[in-house]
Structure formats: C-alpha cells, structure tokens
Protein backbone atom coordinates (compact mmCIF):
# COMPACT_ATOMS: atom_id res chain seq x y z
CA MET A 1 -17.76 -18.24 4.47
CA LYS A 2 -15.42 -15.80 6.16
CA THR A 3 -16.85 -12.78 7.93
CA SER A 4 -16.03 -9.25 6.81
CA LYS A 5 -14.22 -8.71 10.11
CA SER A 6 -11.80 -11.59 9.58
CA ILE A 7 -11.19 -10.53 5.99
CA LEU A 8 -10.44 -6.94 7.03
CA LEU A 9 -8.05 -8.19 9.69
CA ALA A 10 -6.33 -10.42 7.13
CA VAL A 11 -5.98 -7.48 4.72
CA ALA A 12 -4.48 -5.37 7.52
CA PHE A 13 -2.03 -8.17 8.31
CA ILE A 14 -1.03 -8.44 4.62
CA CYS A 15 -0.40 -4.68 4.47
CA LEU A 16 1.70 -4.76 7.64
CA ALA A 17 3.69 -7.70 6.26
CA ILE A 18 4.34 -5.75 3.04
CA LEU A 19 5.50 -2.76 5.09
CA GLY A 20 7.76 -5.10 7.07
CA ALA A 21 9.25 -6.42 3.83
CA ALA A 22 9.86 -2.84 2.65
CA LEU A 23 11.66 -2.04 5.90
CA TYR A 24 13.76 -5.18 5.55
CA LEU A 25 14.79 -4.15 2.03
CA GLN A 26 15.58 -0.63 3.23
CA HIS A 27 17.52 -1.42 6.39
CA TYR A 28 19.13 -4.79 5.59
CA GLN A 29 19.47 -4.76 1.79
CA ASN A 30 20.28 -1.03 1.61
CA MET A 31 17.52 -0.29 -0.93
CA GLN A 32 16.62 3.30 -0.04
CA PRO A 33 13.04 4.44 -0.77
CA CYS A 34 12.34 7.13 -3.33
CA PRO A 35 9.35 9.52 -2.98
CA LEU A 36 7.07 7.20 -4.95
CA CYS A 37 8.09 4.24 -2.78
CA VAL A 38 7.17 6.22 0.32
CA ILE A 39 3.79 7.21 -1.18
CA GLN A 40 3.12 3.50 -1.76
CA ARG A 41 4.07 2.83 1.87
CA TYR A 42 1.53 5.47 2.93
CA ALA A 43 -1.13 3.68 0.86
CA PHE A 44 -0.36 0.30 2.46
CA ALA A 45 -0.37 1.90 5.92
CA ALA A 46 -3.69 3.64 5.18
CA ILE A 47 -5.28 0.37 4.05
CA ALA A 48 -4.03 -1.39 7.20
CA LEU A 49 -5.28 1.40 9.48
CA ILE A 50 -8.68 1.59 7.77
CA CYS A 51 -9.14 -2.18 7.94
CA LEU A 52 -8.07 -2.40 11.60
CA ILE A 53 -10.44 0.37 12.65
CA CYS A 54 -13.40 -0.83 10.58
CA ALA A 55 -12.98 -4.46 11.67
CA SER A 56 -14.08 -3.43 15.16
CA LEU A 57 -17.22 -1.66 13.89
CA PRO A 58 -20.65 -3.10 12.92
CA SER A 59 -21.01 -4.86 9.56
CA GLY A 60 -22.32 -1.78 7.71
CA ALA A 61 -19.22 0.15 8.75
CA GLN A 62 -17.09 -2.82 7.76
CA LYS A 63 -18.48 -2.55 4.24
CA ALA A 64 -17.71 1.19 4.27
CA GLY A 65 -14.19 0.34 5.46
CA ALA A 66 -13.78 -2.02 2.51
CA GLY A 67 -14.84 0.85 0.26
CA LEU A 68 -12.31 3.23 1.82
CA GLY A 69 -9.65 0.54 1.54
CA ILE A 70 -10.49 0.20 -2.16
CA LEU A 71 -9.89 3.93 -2.63
CA ALA A 72 -6.52 3.75 -0.86
CA ALA A 73 -5.54 0.66 -2.88
CA LEU A 74 -6.48 2.42 -6.13
CA GLY A 75 -4.29 5.36 -5.14
CA GLY A 76 -1.40 3.05 -4.30
CA ALA A 77 -1.84 1.10 -7.54
CA GLY A 78 -1.86 4.34 -9.50
CA THR A 79 1.36 5.40 -7.80
CA ALA A 80 2.96 2.03 -8.55
CA ILE A 81 1.93 2.32 -12.21
CA TRP A 82 3.40 5.83 -12.37
CA HIS A 83 6.59 4.50 -10.75
CA LEU A 84 6.84 1.74 -13.38
CA TRP A 85 6.29 4.30 -16.13
CA ILE A 86 9.13 6.44 -14.78
CA ILE A 87 11.43 3.40 -14.65
CA ALA A 88 10.55 2.65 -18.28
CA HIS A 89 11.27 6.29 -19.23
CA PRO A 90 14.41 7.23 -17.25
CA ALA A 91 14.63 10.69 -18.80
CA ILE A 92 11.55 11.62 -16.73
CA SER A 93 12.21 12.56 -13.12
CA CYS A 94 10.16 11.28 -10.22
CA GLY A 95 10.16 14.76 -8.78
CA ARG A 96 12.68 14.06 -6.06
CA ASP A 97 13.52 17.71 -5.63
CA ALA A 98 9.87 18.76 -5.53
CA LEU A 99 8.54 15.94 -3.35
CA GLU A 100 11.37 15.31 -0.91
CA GLY A 101 10.94 18.38 1.33
CA PRO A 102 7.14 18.32 1.70
CA MET A 103 7.06 14.55 2.22
CA ASN A 104 9.76 14.66 4.90
CA ALA A 105 7.83 17.45 6.65
CA LEU A 106 4.69 15.31 7.05
CA PRO A 107 3.99 14.16 10.64
CA PRO A 108 4.46 10.42 9.93
CA ALA A 109 7.89 11.16 8.42
CA THR A 110 8.96 13.07 11.52
CA LEU A 111 7.46 10.53 13.96
CA LEU A 112 8.63 7.41 12.08
CA PRO A 113 11.55 8.51 9.89
CA SER A 114 12.81 4.96 9.37
CA VAL A 115 9.50 4.10 7.67
CA PHE A 116 8.22 7.25 5.94
CA GLN A 117 11.23 9.51 5.35
CA VAL A 118 12.41 9.98 1.77
CA ASP A 119 16.11 9.40 1.27
CA ALA A 120 17.78 12.50 -0.20
CA PHE A 121 19.72 10.48 -2.77
CA ALA A 122 17.13 7.85 -3.71
CA LEU A 123 15.87 8.18 -7.25
CA CYS A 124 12.78 6.54 -8.68
CA THR A 125 14.84 5.28 -11.60
CA THR A 126 17.41 3.47 -9.44
CA ALA A 127 17.77 -0.04 -10.85
CA TYR A 128 17.71 -2.54 -8.01
CA ASP A 129 18.04 -6.24 -8.74
CA PRO A 130 14.66 -7.89 -9.32
CA ILE A 131 13.24 -10.10 -6.61
CA MET A 132 11.98 -13.39 -8.08
CA GLY A 133 11.86 -11.73 -11.48
CA LEU A 134 9.87 -8.61 -10.52
CA SER A 135 10.98 -5.12 -9.59
CA ILE A 136 9.88 -3.62 -6.29
CA PRO A 137 7.19 -1.40 -7.92
CA GLN A 138 5.87 -4.47 -9.77
CA TRP A 139 5.59 -6.34 -6.48
CA SER A 140 3.86 -3.33 -4.98
CA LEU A 141 1.38 -3.16 -7.86
CA LEU A 142 0.70 -6.89 -7.52
CA GLY A 143 0.03 -6.39 -3.81
CA PHE A 144 -2.38 -3.54 -4.48
CA VAL A 145 -4.24 -5.57 -7.12
CA ILE A 146 -4.60 -8.55 -4.78
CA LEU A 147 -5.85 -6.27 -2.00
CA LEU A 148 -8.29 -4.62 -4.44
CA VAL A 149 -9.75 -8.00 -5.40
CA ILE A 150 -10.14 -9.02 -1.76
CA LEU A 151 -11.69 -5.68 -0.74
CA VAL A 152 -14.09 -5.58 -3.71
CA ALA A 153 -15.20 -9.13 -2.90
CA THR A 154 -15.72 -8.07 0.72
CA LEU A 155 -17.67 -4.97 -0.29
CA PHE A 156 -20.06 -6.93 -2.49
CA LYS A 157 -20.27 -10.03 -0.28
CA ARG A 158 -23.78 -10.97 0.76
CA GLY A 159 -24.75 -11.59 4.38
CA ASN A 160 -24.51 -15.04 5.92
CA GLY A 161 -26.75 -17.88 4.72
CA ALA A 162 -29.14 -17.67 7.71
CA ASN A 163 -30.40 -14.26 6.61
CA ARG A 164 -31.09 -15.15 2.96
CA ARG A 165 -34.52 -15.93 1.56
CA TYR A 166 -34.99 -18.27 -1.34
C-alpha cells in the first residue's frame, strides 16, 4: 500500500499538472481566465502547496495535510459548480467588475501575473470550445472530485500492516 507521503506528492503533482494545462490554454490557446477560473487556480495551487509541505512532515501531520487539502478541494469544487451554474444562466454575471480589482491586487497576482491575474475582458460566460466533450469548469470540477476522493482515502487510511493487531 502506498504511504501517505507518496500520495500527497502525487496529489501535488496532479495539481501542478492541472495548473500547467491551464497556463497552456491561456497562453497558447488564447483562453483568458475569468475571476472564477483564477479562484479555481488558487484552489489547485493551495492543494499543491499544502500537500508538498505536509509530505515532509510526520504521518500525523500528513493526515492533517490531507484534511486541509480536502477543505481546499471543496472550496475549488464549489467554485467550479458556481461557474457551471453561471454558464447555464448567462443572464447572471460572474461579478467581473466586483472581483477583478481585488483579485488583481492580491500578492500572487502581482508576483505571478501570468498565472493569477484576471483578464479585464474575460467573462465567466465566455463559450470556449469543449475539450473532449467537457467545458473547462467541468474538467476543473472533475479534477477537484478526483482529488477529494484521493485525499479522503488518505485521511482515513489505516497504518501499515506491521502495526495492526488481529
């Protein structure tokens, strides 16, 4: 059975790969991120950071890291669901005017603008072509659900077989 450390490192790698895919879509496919897309990026980055830090800690802290990762994944999944709801109801705004300024003023947006800066003209209702049949927020939600399953399994995983009593 895999150790919690290797699972946390794998989750961090998955999150970084998802962020890499988002950057590819932004910079090479010209799909500019809306405020909700950037919030989902923050959630993936938070999960990756939590998992990388907690993977180097003792097993009790690794379990706590899985718990914190679950909270970040739930927040990201909630944002993805809200994004899908807005796409389904285009008369509702994603709050571009309200969210753009504060989000672009956050330290990650000023330090890494190519990753975390909201595009001034990107709307949450912009209809990009689906990728393998799913929209970008659907892919994001799928990623958060997969990460949730992995992190919940890690949180409730028992110790190794040598420590069990029968």
